[in-house]
Amino acid sequence: MNIIPEKGSPDYFRRKKKWYGIFSLLAFLLVGGIYGIGLILFHNNRSVFTVIAAVSVLPAAKMLIAFLMIAPYHSLEKTEAEQIDRQMKDMQDGAVLYDILLASEQKAMLAGTVVLVKGNVLMFAKERVTPKETENYMRTLLKQYSFSSVKQYTDFGQFMGRLSSLAREKEGGKEKEREDLREKTMRDRIIGQILTYTV
């Protein structure tokens, strides 16, 4: 099992914060240890140990920044994730991405849980969201793909209500079968596009 979670996986924020927090702490302790060894051995900071410590700060700082980027955000509650998974089980053409934090040139935007189903992009996040801004940015990311709507919800009941109504929509028989491969290919490309812009 990979200890670094994959983007879009359940509990991504919680697991990434845990491991990047641990790695950051260990990395800075290692930097301090290397520098300290140089001071003990040479009684000044003009040694190769100081250079090694200075270079080692860069990966440690990178891990700390990754941790700080997602620190304010929380993973979806387990019970809510289970409800979404149950609803999506019968919807063959759907996909769910959890804990999506989109990175734009100006700032990071929380899309939260992103569901792709029947040409719709549904997003759910309770906190730290600006729905219109996130919807517009998602439309920009996906402008080359055709979809019916992009909507962010902050109320779980409304989100699940829309998901349920999409699940009840009738499928189109043979025509549906002919389009399955094309829809799956497009869905995989959309997922790739979203994950490319995910922190």
N, C-alpha and C. Protein backbone atom coordinates (compact mmCIF):
# COMPACT_ATOMS: atom_id res chain seq x y z
N MET A 1 0.84 -1.19 0.00
CA MET A 1 0.00 0.00 0.00
C MET A 1 0.89 1.25 0.00
N ASN A 2 0.56 2.17 -0.87
CA ASN A 2 1.31 3.42 -0.97
C ASN A 2 0.87 4.36 0.16
N ILE A 3 1.82 4.84 0.96
CA ILE A 3 1.44 5.68 2.09
C ILE A 3 1.08 7.09 1.67
N ILE A 4 1.59 7.54 0.51
CA ILE A 4 1.19 8.85 -0.02
C ILE A 4 -0.09 8.64 -0.81
N PRO A 5 -1.19 9.27 -0.41
CA PRO A 5 -2.47 9.02 -1.09
C PRO A 5 -2.48 9.57 -2.51
N GLU A 6 -3.29 8.92 -3.35
CA GLU A 6 -3.47 9.40 -4.72
C GLU A 6 -4.48 10.53 -4.73
N LYS A 7 -4.27 11.50 -5.62
CA LYS A 7 -5.23 12.59 -5.77
C LYS A 7 -6.59 12.02 -6.14
N GLY A 8 -7.63 12.55 -5.50
CA GLY A 8 -8.99 12.10 -5.80
C GLY A 8 -9.46 10.91 -5.00
N SER A 9 -8.56 10.33 -4.18
CA SER A 9 -8.96 9.16 -3.39
C SER A 9 -9.66 9.60 -2.10
N PRO A 10 -10.50 8.73 -1.53
CA PRO A 10 -11.16 9.07 -0.27
C PRO A 10 -10.13 9.38 0.83
N ASP A 11 -10.44 10.33 1.68
CA ASP A 11 -9.57 10.72 2.80
C ASP A 11 -8.22 11.29 2.35
N TYR A 12 -8.16 11.83 1.13
CA TYR A 12 -6.91 12.36 0.59
C TYR A 12 -6.34 13.45 1.50
N PHE A 13 -7.16 14.43 1.89
CA PHE A 13 -6.67 15.52 2.73
C PHE A 13 -6.13 15.00 4.06
N ARG A 14 -6.91 14.16 4.73
CA ARG A 14 -6.52 13.66 6.05
C ARG A 14 -5.21 12.88 5.98
N ARG A 15 -5.11 11.97 5.00
CA ARG A 15 -3.92 11.14 4.88
C ARG A 15 -2.70 11.96 4.43
N LYS A 16 -2.90 12.89 3.52
CA LYS A 16 -1.76 13.69 3.05
C LYS A 16 -1.25 14.60 4.17
N LYS A 17 -2.18 15.18 4.94
CA LYS A 17 -1.75 16.02 6.07
C LYS A 17 -0.94 15.20 7.07
N LYS A 18 -1.41 14.00 7.34
CA LYS A 18 -0.72 13.14 8.31
C LYS A 18 0.70 12.85 7.85
N TRP A 19 0.84 12.33 6.63
CA TRP A 19 2.17 11.91 6.18
C TRP A 19 3.09 13.08 5.87
N TYR A 20 2.56 14.14 5.26
CA TYR A 20 3.42 15.28 4.97
C TYR A 20 3.81 16.01 6.24
N GLY A 21 2.95 15.99 7.25
CA GLY A 21 3.30 16.56 8.54
C GLY A 21 4.45 15.80 9.18
N ILE A 22 4.36 14.47 9.14
CA ILE A 22 5.43 13.63 9.70
C ILE A 22 6.73 13.81 8.91
N PHE A 23 6.63 13.76 7.56
CA PHE A 23 7.83 13.91 6.73
C PHE A 23 8.49 15.27 6.92
N SER A 24 7.67 16.32 7.04
CA SER A 24 8.22 17.67 7.23
C SER A 24 8.99 17.76 8.54
N LEU A 25 8.40 17.24 9.60
CA LEU A 25 9.05 17.25 10.90
C LEU A 25 10.37 16.49 10.86
N LEU A 26 10.34 15.28 10.29
CA LEU A 26 11.57 14.47 10.21
C LEU A 26 12.63 15.15 9.35
N ALA A 27 12.19 15.77 8.24
CA ALA A 27 13.14 16.43 7.35
C ALA A 27 13.83 17.61 8.05
N PHE A 28 13.06 18.40 8.79
CA PHE A 28 13.68 19.54 9.49
C PHE A 28 14.55 19.08 10.66
N LEU A 29 14.16 17.97 11.31
CA LEU A 29 15.02 17.40 12.35
C LEU A 29 16.34 16.91 11.76
N LEU A 30 16.27 16.32 10.56
CA LEU A 30 17.47 15.85 9.88
C LEU A 30 18.38 17.02 9.50
N VAL A 31 17.77 18.10 8.99
CA VAL A 31 18.54 19.30 8.65
C VAL A 31 19.25 19.84 9.89
N GLY A 32 18.50 19.95 10.98
CA GLY A 32 19.08 20.43 12.23
C GLY A 32 20.18 19.51 12.74
N GLY A 33 19.97 18.20 12.58
CA GLY A 33 20.97 17.23 13.02
C GLY A 33 22.27 17.34 12.22
N ILE A 34 22.13 17.47 10.91
CA ILE A 34 23.32 17.62 10.05
C ILE A 34 24.10 18.89 10.42
N TYR A 35 23.36 19.98 10.58
CA TYR A 35 24.00 21.24 10.95
C TYR A 35 24.67 21.13 12.32
N GLY A 36 23.97 20.49 13.26
CA GLY A 36 24.51 20.32 14.61
C GLY A 36 25.78 19.48 14.62
N ILE A 37 25.82 18.42 13.81
CA ILE A 37 27.02 17.58 13.73
C ILE A 37 28.22 18.41 13.24
N GLY A 38 27.96 19.25 12.23
CA GLY A 38 29.02 20.13 11.73
C GLY A 38 29.54 21.06 12.81
N LEU A 39 28.64 21.63 13.63
CA LEU A 39 29.06 22.53 14.72
C LEU A 39 29.88 21.79 15.77
N ILE A 40 29.42 20.56 16.09
CA ILE A 40 30.13 19.77 17.12
C ILE A 40 31.53 19.39 16.64
N LEU A 41 31.63 18.94 15.37
CA LEU A 41 32.92 18.47 14.86
C LEU A 41 33.91 19.60 14.57
N PHE A 42 33.40 20.70 14.02
CA PHE A 42 34.31 21.76 13.56
C PHE A 42 34.24 23.04 14.40
N HIS A 43 33.32 23.10 15.34
CA HIS A 43 33.16 24.24 16.25
C HIS A 43 32.89 25.56 15.52
N ASN A 44 32.42 25.49 14.28
CA ASN A 44 31.95 26.67 13.54
C ASN A 44 31.03 26.19 12.41
N ASN A 45 30.43 27.15 11.72
CA ASN A 45 29.48 26.76 10.68
C ASN A 45 30.09 26.79 9.27
N ARG A 46 31.39 26.80 9.18
CA ARG A 46 32.07 26.81 7.88
C ARG A 46 32.57 25.40 7.55
N SER A 47 31.61 24.52 7.26
CA SER A 47 31.98 23.14 6.92
C SER A 47 31.04 22.60 5.85
N VAL A 48 31.40 21.44 5.36
CA VAL A 48 30.56 20.78 4.36
C VAL A 48 29.18 20.42 4.95
N PHE A 49 29.13 20.22 6.26
CA PHE A 49 27.86 19.90 6.92
C PHE A 49 26.87 21.05 6.80
N THR A 50 27.34 22.26 6.87
CA THR A 50 26.48 23.44 6.72
C THR A 50 25.91 23.49 5.30
N VAL A 51 26.76 23.18 4.32
CA VAL A 51 26.30 23.16 2.92
C VAL A 51 25.23 22.07 2.72
N ILE A 52 25.49 20.88 3.26
CA ILE A 52 24.53 19.77 3.14
C ILE A 52 23.21 20.15 3.82
N ALA A 53 23.28 20.75 4.99
CA ALA A 53 22.07 21.18 5.71
C ALA A 53 21.31 22.23 4.91
N ALA A 54 22.03 23.18 4.31
CA ALA A 54 21.37 24.23 3.53
C ALA A 54 20.65 23.65 2.31
N VAL A 55 21.30 22.71 1.64
CA VAL A 55 20.68 22.07 0.47
C VAL A 55 19.49 21.20 0.90
N SER A 56 19.59 20.57 2.05
CA SER A 56 18.51 19.70 2.55
C SER A 56 17.27 20.48 2.96
N VAL A 57 17.41 21.77 3.19
CA VAL A 57 16.25 22.59 3.57
C VAL A 57 15.22 22.64 2.43
N LEU A 58 15.69 22.60 1.18
CA LEU A 58 14.78 22.73 0.04
C LEU A 58 13.71 21.64 -0.02
N PRO A 59 14.07 20.35 0.02
CA PRO A 59 13.00 19.33 0.02
C PRO A 59 12.14 19.38 1.29
N ALA A 60 12.76 19.73 2.41
CA ALA A 60 11.99 19.84 3.65
C ALA A 60 10.96 20.96 3.54
N ALA A 61 11.37 22.08 2.96
CA ALA A 61 10.45 23.21 2.79
C ALA A 61 9.35 22.87 1.80
N LYS A 62 9.67 22.12 0.76
CA LYS A 62 8.66 21.70 -0.22
C LYS A 62 7.57 20.86 0.44
N MET A 63 7.97 19.93 1.31
CA MET A 63 7.00 19.10 2.03
C MET A 63 6.15 19.94 2.97
N LEU A 64 6.79 20.90 3.64
CA LEU A 64 6.06 21.77 4.57
C LEU A 64 5.03 22.61 3.81
N ILE A 65 5.39 23.14 2.66
CA ILE A 65 4.46 23.94 1.86
C ILE A 65 3.28 23.09 1.40
N ALA A 66 3.55 21.84 0.97
CA ALA A 66 2.47 20.93 0.56
C ALA A 66 1.51 20.68 1.74
N PHE A 67 2.08 20.54 2.94
CA PHE A 67 1.27 20.34 4.13
C PHE A 67 0.42 21.59 4.42
N LEU A 68 1.05 22.76 4.38
CA LEU A 68 0.34 24.01 4.70
C LEU A 68 -0.75 24.34 3.69
N MET A 69 -0.57 23.93 2.42
CA MET A 69 -1.58 24.20 1.39
C MET A 69 -2.91 23.54 1.72
N ILE A 70 -2.85 22.31 2.23
CA ILE A 70 -4.10 21.58 2.48
C ILE A 70 -4.51 21.57 3.95
N ALA A 71 -3.69 22.16 4.83
CA ALA A 71 -3.98 22.14 6.26
C ALA A 71 -5.37 22.66 6.63
N PRO A 72 -5.89 23.72 5.99
CA PRO A 72 -7.21 24.22 6.40
C PRO A 72 -8.39 23.37 5.93
N TYR A 73 -8.15 22.39 5.07
CA TYR A 73 -9.25 21.65 4.45
C TYR A 73 -9.41 20.27 5.09
N HIS A 74 -10.66 19.80 5.07
CA HIS A 74 -10.98 18.52 5.72
C HIS A 74 -11.60 17.55 4.72
N SER A 75 -11.32 16.27 4.93
CA SER A 75 -11.89 15.23 4.09
C SER A 75 -13.38 15.10 4.35
N LEU A 76 -14.07 14.56 3.36
CA LEU A 76 -15.50 14.29 3.48
C LEU A 76 -15.74 13.28 4.60
N GLU A 77 -16.83 13.47 5.34
CA GLU A 77 -17.17 12.52 6.41
C GLU A 77 -17.38 11.13 5.81
N LYS A 78 -16.98 10.10 6.55
CA LYS A 78 -17.06 8.73 6.06
C LYS A 78 -18.50 8.34 5.71
N THR A 79 -19.46 8.75 6.54
CA THR A 79 -20.85 8.40 6.28
C THR A 79 -21.36 9.05 4.99
N GLU A 80 -20.92 10.27 4.73
CA GLU A 80 -21.32 10.96 3.50
C GLU A 80 -20.68 10.30 2.27
N ALA A 81 -19.42 9.92 2.40
CA ALA A 81 -18.73 9.23 1.29
C ALA A 81 -19.42 7.90 0.98
N GLU A 82 -19.86 7.20 2.03
CA GLU A 82 -20.56 5.92 1.83
C GLU A 82 -21.89 6.13 1.11
N GLN A 83 -22.61 7.20 1.46
CA GLN A 83 -23.88 7.51 0.76
C GLN A 83 -23.64 7.77 -0.72
N ILE A 84 -22.60 8.54 -1.02
CA ILE A 84 -22.28 8.82 -2.43
C ILE A 84 -21.92 7.54 -3.15
N ASP A 85 -21.09 6.71 -2.53
CA ASP A 85 -20.68 5.45 -3.16
C ASP A 85 -21.87 4.54 -3.42
N ARG A 86 -22.81 4.47 -2.47
CA ARG A 86 -24.02 3.66 -2.67
C ARG A 86 -24.83 4.16 -3.85
N GLN A 87 -24.98 5.47 -3.95
CA GLN A 87 -25.75 6.06 -5.04
C GLN A 87 -25.06 5.82 -6.39
N MET A 88 -23.75 5.91 -6.39
CA MET A 88 -22.99 5.77 -7.65
C MET A 88 -22.85 4.32 -8.10
N LYS A 89 -23.08 3.37 -7.20
CA LYS A 89 -22.90 1.96 -7.54
C LYS A 89 -23.74 1.55 -8.74
N ASP A 90 -24.96 2.06 -8.85
CA ASP A 90 -25.85 1.69 -9.95
C ASP A 90 -25.66 2.56 -11.19
N MET A 91 -24.81 3.56 -11.12
CA MET A 91 -24.62 4.48 -12.24
C MET A 91 -23.29 4.15 -12.91
N GLN A 92 -23.35 3.31 -13.93
CA GLN A 92 -22.15 2.79 -14.58
C GLN A 92 -21.28 3.88 -15.20
N ASP A 93 -21.91 4.95 -15.65
CA ASP A 93 -21.15 5.97 -16.39
C ASP A 93 -20.61 7.08 -15.50
N GLY A 94 -20.68 6.92 -14.18
CA GLY A 94 -20.26 7.98 -13.27
C GLY A 94 -18.88 7.75 -12.68
N ALA A 95 -18.33 8.80 -12.12
CA ALA A 95 -17.04 8.72 -11.43
C ALA A 95 -17.04 9.74 -10.29
N VAL A 96 -16.33 9.41 -9.21
CA VAL A 96 -16.24 10.29 -8.05
C VAL A 96 -14.78 10.58 -7.75
N LEU A 97 -14.47 11.86 -7.54
CA LEU A 97 -13.15 12.29 -7.09
C LEU A 97 -13.33 12.99 -5.74
N TYR A 98 -12.60 12.55 -4.74
CA TYR A 98 -12.72 13.12 -3.40
C TYR A 98 -11.62 14.14 -3.13
N ASP A 99 -11.93 15.09 -2.25
CA ASP A 99 -10.94 16.05 -1.72
C ASP A 99 -10.15 16.75 -2.83
N ILE A 100 -10.88 17.41 -3.71
CA ILE A 100 -10.26 18.11 -4.83
C ILE A 100 -10.06 19.58 -4.47
N LEU A 101 -8.80 20.00 -4.46
CA LEU A 101 -8.42 21.39 -4.24
C LEU A 101 -7.75 21.87 -5.52
N LEU A 102 -8.46 22.73 -6.27
CA LEU A 102 -7.97 23.18 -7.57
C LEU A 102 -7.00 24.34 -7.40
N ALA A 103 -5.94 24.33 -8.18
CA ALA A 103 -4.95 25.40 -8.13
C ALA A 103 -5.07 26.26 -9.38
N SER A 104 -5.40 27.53 -9.19
CA SER A 104 -5.41 28.47 -10.30
C SER A 104 -4.17 29.36 -10.17
N GLU A 105 -4.00 30.28 -11.11
CA GLU A 105 -2.85 31.18 -11.04
C GLU A 105 -2.94 32.12 -9.85
N GLN A 106 -4.17 32.47 -9.45
CA GLN A 106 -4.35 33.42 -8.36
C GLN A 106 -4.41 32.74 -6.99
N LYS A 107 -5.13 31.61 -6.89
CA LYS A 107 -5.32 30.99 -5.58
C LYS A 107 -5.81 29.56 -5.71
N ALA A 108 -5.94 28.90 -4.57
CA ALA A 108 -6.50 27.55 -4.54
C ALA A 108 -8.00 27.65 -4.27
N MET A 109 -8.77 26.80 -4.95
CA MET A 109 -10.23 26.78 -4.79
C MET A 109 -10.68 25.37 -4.45
N LEU A 110 -11.49 25.25 -3.42
CA LEU A 110 -11.98 23.94 -2.98
C LEU A 110 -13.18 23.53 -3.81
N ALA A 111 -13.01 22.46 -4.57
CA ALA A 111 -14.14 21.85 -5.28
C ALA A 111 -14.74 20.76 -4.40
N GLY A 112 -13.94 20.19 -3.50
CA GLY A 112 -14.41 19.15 -2.59
C GLY A 112 -14.59 17.83 -3.30
N THR A 113 -15.77 17.23 -3.14
CA THR A 113 -16.10 15.99 -3.82
C THR A 113 -16.66 16.33 -5.19
N VAL A 114 -16.07 15.76 -6.23
CA VAL A 114 -16.50 16.03 -7.60
C VAL A 114 -17.09 14.74 -8.18
N VAL A 115 -18.34 14.83 -8.64
CA VAL A 115 -19.01 13.69 -9.26
C VAL A 115 -19.25 14.01 -10.73
N LEU A 116 -18.79 13.13 -11.60
CA LEU A 116 -19.02 13.25 -13.03
C LEU A 116 -20.05 12.19 -13.40
N VAL A 117 -21.22 12.62 -13.84
CA VAL A 117 -22.26 11.65 -14.18
C VAL A 117 -23.22 12.24 -15.21
N LYS A 118 -23.47 11.46 -16.25
CA LYS A 118 -24.43 11.82 -17.30
C LYS A 118 -24.22 13.23 -17.84
N GLY A 119 -22.98 13.57 -18.08
CA GLY A 119 -22.68 14.88 -18.65
C GLY A 119 -22.76 16.03 -17.67
N ASN A 120 -22.88 15.74 -16.39
CA ASN A 120 -22.95 16.75 -15.34
C ASN A 120 -21.70 16.69 -14.46
N VAL A 121 -21.28 17.86 -13.99
CA VAL A 121 -20.18 17.95 -13.02
C VAL A 121 -20.80 18.52 -11.75
N LEU A 122 -20.91 17.68 -10.71
CA LEU A 122 -21.46 18.10 -9.43
C LEU A 122 -20.33 18.16 -8.42
N MET A 123 -20.28 19.23 -7.65
CA MET A 123 -19.24 19.40 -6.63
C MET A 123 -19.91 19.65 -5.28
N PHE A 124 -19.32 19.10 -4.22
CA PHE A 124 -19.84 19.34 -2.88
C PHE A 124 -18.71 19.65 -1.91
N ALA A 125 -18.86 20.74 -1.19
CA ALA A 125 -17.93 21.11 -0.12
C ALA A 125 -18.70 21.99 0.86
N LYS A 126 -18.49 21.76 2.15
CA LYS A 126 -19.23 22.49 3.18
C LYS A 126 -18.61 23.83 3.53
N GLU A 127 -17.31 23.91 3.49
CA GLU A 127 -16.62 25.07 4.05
C GLU A 127 -15.60 25.63 3.09
N ARG A 128 -15.24 26.91 3.30
CA ARG A 128 -14.19 27.57 2.52
C ARG A 128 -14.43 27.50 1.02
N VAL A 129 -15.69 27.69 0.60
CA VAL A 129 -16.01 27.63 -0.82
C VAL A 129 -16.64 28.93 -1.31
N THR A 130 -16.38 29.23 -2.55
CA THR A 130 -17.08 30.31 -3.27
C THR A 130 -17.64 29.65 -4.53
N PRO A 131 -18.89 29.15 -4.43
CA PRO A 131 -19.44 28.31 -5.51
C PRO A 131 -19.34 28.90 -6.91
N LYS A 132 -19.72 30.15 -7.10
CA LYS A 132 -19.70 30.73 -8.45
C LYS A 132 -18.29 30.75 -9.02
N GLU A 133 -17.33 31.13 -8.19
CA GLU A 133 -15.93 31.21 -8.62
C GLU A 133 -15.41 29.82 -9.01
N THR A 134 -15.71 28.83 -8.17
CA THR A 134 -15.25 27.47 -8.44
C THR A 134 -15.94 26.89 -9.68
N GLU A 135 -17.23 27.14 -9.82
CA GLU A 135 -17.96 26.68 -11.01
C GLU A 135 -17.36 27.28 -12.28
N ASN A 136 -17.09 28.58 -12.25
CA ASN A 136 -16.52 29.25 -13.43
C ASN A 136 -15.13 28.69 -13.77
N TYR A 137 -14.33 28.45 -12.74
CA TYR A 137 -12.99 27.92 -12.98
C TYR A 137 -13.07 26.49 -13.53
N MET A 138 -14.00 25.69 -13.01
CA MET A 138 -14.17 24.32 -13.51
C MET A 138 -14.62 24.35 -14.98
N ARG A 139 -15.52 25.28 -15.31
CA ARG A 139 -15.95 25.41 -16.71
C ARG A 139 -14.76 25.76 -17.61
N THR A 140 -13.89 26.64 -17.12
CA THR A 140 -12.69 27.01 -17.88
C THR A 140 -11.78 25.81 -18.10
N LEU A 141 -11.60 24.99 -17.03
CA LEU A 141 -10.74 23.81 -17.15
C LEU A 141 -11.30 22.81 -18.15
N LEU A 142 -12.63 22.73 -18.20
CA LEU A 142 -13.28 21.70 -19.03
C LEU A 142 -13.91 22.26 -20.29
N LYS A 143 -13.46 23.43 -20.75
CA LYS A 143 -14.12 24.10 -21.87
C LYS A 143 -14.08 23.29 -23.16
N GLN A 144 -13.11 22.37 -23.31
CA GLN A 144 -13.04 21.59 -24.52
C GLN A 144 -13.95 20.37 -24.50
N TYR A 145 -14.60 20.12 -23.38
CA TYR A 145 -15.50 18.97 -23.25
C TYR A 145 -16.94 19.44 -23.19
N SER A 146 -17.84 18.59 -23.69
CA SER A 146 -19.27 18.94 -23.61
C SER A 146 -19.86 18.36 -22.32
N PHE A 147 -20.62 19.18 -21.62
CA PHE A 147 -21.30 18.72 -20.41
C PHE A 147 -22.56 19.54 -20.24
N SER A 148 -23.51 18.98 -19.51
CA SER A 148 -24.81 19.64 -19.33
C SER A 148 -24.74 20.78 -18.33
N SER A 149 -24.08 20.53 -17.21
CA SER A 149 -24.01 21.58 -16.18
C SER A 149 -22.82 21.37 -15.26
N VAL A 150 -22.42 22.46 -14.61
CA VAL A 150 -21.39 22.44 -13.56
C VAL A 150 -22.01 23.16 -12.37
N LYS A 151 -22.10 22.46 -11.25
CA LYS A 151 -22.77 23.05 -10.09
C LYS A 151 -22.06 22.64 -8.81
N GLN A 152 -21.80 23.62 -7.94
CA GLN A 152 -21.23 23.32 -6.62
C GLN A 152 -22.31 23.49 -5.56
N TYR A 153 -22.39 22.49 -4.68
CA TYR A 153 -23.35 22.51 -3.58
C TYR A 153 -22.61 22.65 -2.26
N THR A 154 -23.24 23.35 -1.32
CA THR A 154 -22.70 23.45 0.04
C THR A 154 -23.62 22.72 1.03
N ASP A 155 -24.76 22.24 0.54
CA ASP A 155 -25.71 21.49 1.35
C ASP A 155 -25.71 20.04 0.85
N PHE A 156 -25.39 19.09 1.74
CA PHE A 156 -25.27 17.69 1.34
C PHE A 156 -26.60 17.12 0.87
N GLY A 157 -27.69 17.52 1.50
CA GLY A 157 -29.02 17.03 1.10
C GLY A 157 -29.36 17.43 -0.33
N GLN A 158 -29.09 18.67 -0.69
CA GLN A 158 -29.34 19.13 -2.05
C GLN A 158 -28.45 18.40 -3.06
N PHE A 159 -27.19 18.22 -2.68
CA PHE A 159 -26.24 17.50 -3.53
C PHE A 159 -26.73 16.08 -3.80
N MET A 160 -27.12 15.37 -2.74
CA MET A 160 -27.60 13.99 -2.90
C MET A 160 -28.93 13.95 -3.65
N GLY A 161 -29.78 14.97 -3.45
CA GLY A 161 -31.04 15.04 -4.18
C GLY A 161 -30.81 15.13 -5.68
N ARG A 162 -29.85 15.96 -6.10
CA ARG A 162 -29.53 16.09 -7.52
C ARG A 162 -28.92 14.80 -8.06
N LEU A 163 -28.07 14.18 -7.26
CA LEU A 163 -27.46 12.91 -7.67
C LEU A 163 -28.53 11.83 -7.84
N SER A 164 -29.49 11.79 -6.92
CA SER A 164 -30.58 10.82 -7.00
C SER A 164 -31.44 11.05 -8.23
N SER A 165 -31.74 12.32 -8.53
CA SER A 165 -32.57 12.60 -9.71
C SER A 165 -31.86 12.19 -10.99
N LEU A 166 -30.55 12.36 -11.04
CA LEU A 166 -29.79 11.90 -12.22
C LEU A 166 -29.79 10.38 -12.32
N ALA A 167 -29.77 9.70 -11.18
CA ALA A 167 -29.79 8.23 -11.17
C ALA A 167 -31.12 7.70 -11.70
N ARG A 168 -32.22 8.45 -11.50
CA ARG A 168 -33.54 8.00 -11.95
C ARG A 168 -33.81 8.26 -13.43
N GLU A 169 -32.96 9.07 -14.06
CA GLU A 169 -33.18 9.36 -15.48
C GLU A 169 -33.03 8.10 -16.30
N LYS A 170 -33.89 7.95 -17.30
CA LYS A 170 -33.88 6.77 -18.15
C LYS A 170 -32.67 6.78 -19.08
N GLU A 171 -32.15 5.58 -19.33
CA GLU A 171 -31.05 5.42 -20.27
C GLU A 171 -31.61 5.12 -21.65
N GLY A 172 -30.79 5.27 -22.67
CA GLY A 172 -31.27 5.19 -24.05
C GLY A 172 -30.97 3.92 -24.81
N GLY A 173 -31.13 2.73 -24.28
CA GLY A 173 -31.06 1.45 -24.98
C GLY A 173 -29.83 1.27 -25.86
N LYS A 174 -30.07 0.90 -27.15
CA LYS A 174 -28.98 0.62 -28.08
C LYS A 174 -28.13 1.85 -28.34
N GLU A 175 -28.77 2.99 -28.42
CA GLU A 175 -28.03 4.23 -28.64
C GLU A 175 -27.04 4.45 -27.49
N LYS A 176 -27.50 4.13 -26.28
CA LYS A 176 -26.64 4.26 -25.10
C LYS A 176 -25.44 3.34 -25.21
N GLU A 177 -25.69 2.09 -25.67
CA GLU A 177 -24.60 1.12 -25.80
C GLU A 177 -23.53 1.61 -26.78
N ARG A 178 -23.95 2.21 -27.89
CA ARG A 178 -23.00 2.70 -28.88
C ARG A 178 -22.15 3.84 -28.35
N GLU A 179 -22.70 4.63 -27.42
CA GLU A 179 -21.98 5.79 -26.91
C GLU A 179 -21.16 5.50 -25.66
N ASP A 180 -21.29 4.30 -25.10
CA ASP A 180 -20.59 3.97 -23.85
C ASP A 180 -19.08 4.20 -23.93
N LEU A 181 -18.46 3.68 -24.98
CA LEU A 181 -17.01 3.79 -25.10
C LEU A 181 -16.58 5.25 -25.23
N ARG A 182 -17.30 6.01 -26.05
CA ARG A 182 -16.97 7.43 -26.23
C ARG A 182 -17.11 8.19 -24.92
N GLU A 183 -18.20 7.92 -24.16
CA GLU A 183 -18.42 8.60 -22.89
C GLU A 183 -17.35 8.24 -21.87
N LYS A 184 -16.96 6.95 -21.83
CA LYS A 184 -15.93 6.52 -20.89
C LYS A 184 -14.60 7.21 -21.21
N THR A 185 -14.26 7.27 -22.50
CA THR A 185 -13.02 7.93 -22.91
C THR A 185 -13.03 9.40 -22.51
N MET A 186 -14.17 10.07 -22.76
CA MET A 186 -14.27 11.49 -22.41
C MET A 186 -14.21 11.67 -20.90
N ARG A 187 -14.87 10.79 -20.14
CA ARG A 187 -14.85 10.89 -18.68
C ARG A 187 -13.43 10.73 -18.14
N ASP A 188 -12.68 9.77 -18.70
CA ASP A 188 -11.29 9.57 -18.26
C ASP A 188 -10.43 10.80 -18.56
N ARG A 189 -10.68 11.44 -19.70
CA ARG A 189 -9.93 12.65 -20.04
C ARG A 189 -10.28 13.79 -19.09
N ILE A 190 -11.56 13.91 -18.76
CA ILE A 190 -12.01 14.96 -17.82
C ILE A 190 -11.37 14.74 -16.45
N ILE A 191 -11.35 13.49 -15.99
CA ILE A 191 -10.72 13.17 -14.71
C ILE A 191 -9.25 13.57 -14.74
N GLY A 192 -8.56 13.21 -15.82
CA GLY A 192 -7.16 13.58 -15.96
C GLY A 192 -6.94 15.08 -15.94
N GLN A 193 -7.84 15.81 -16.61
CA GLN A 193 -7.75 17.28 -16.65
C GLN A 193 -7.93 17.88 -15.25
N ILE A 194 -8.92 17.38 -14.52
CA ILE A 194 -9.17 17.89 -13.17
C ILE A 194 -7.98 17.59 -12.25
N LEU A 195 -7.49 16.34 -12.30
CA LEU A 195 -6.38 15.96 -11.42
C LEU A 195 -5.09 16.70 -11.74
N THR A 196 -4.93 17.12 -13.00
CA THR A 196 -3.76 17.91 -13.38
C THR A 196 -3.71 19.23 -12.62
N TYR A 197 -4.88 19.82 -12.35
CA TYR A 197 -4.95 21.10 -11.66
C TYR A 197 -5.25 20.96 -10.17
N THR A 198 -5.09 19.75 -9.65
CA THR A 198 -5.36 19.50 -8.23
C THR A 198 -4.08 19.56 -7.42
N VAL A 199 -4.15 20.20 -6.25
CA VAL A 199 -2.99 20.30 -5.34
C VAL A 199 -2.78 18.97 -4.66
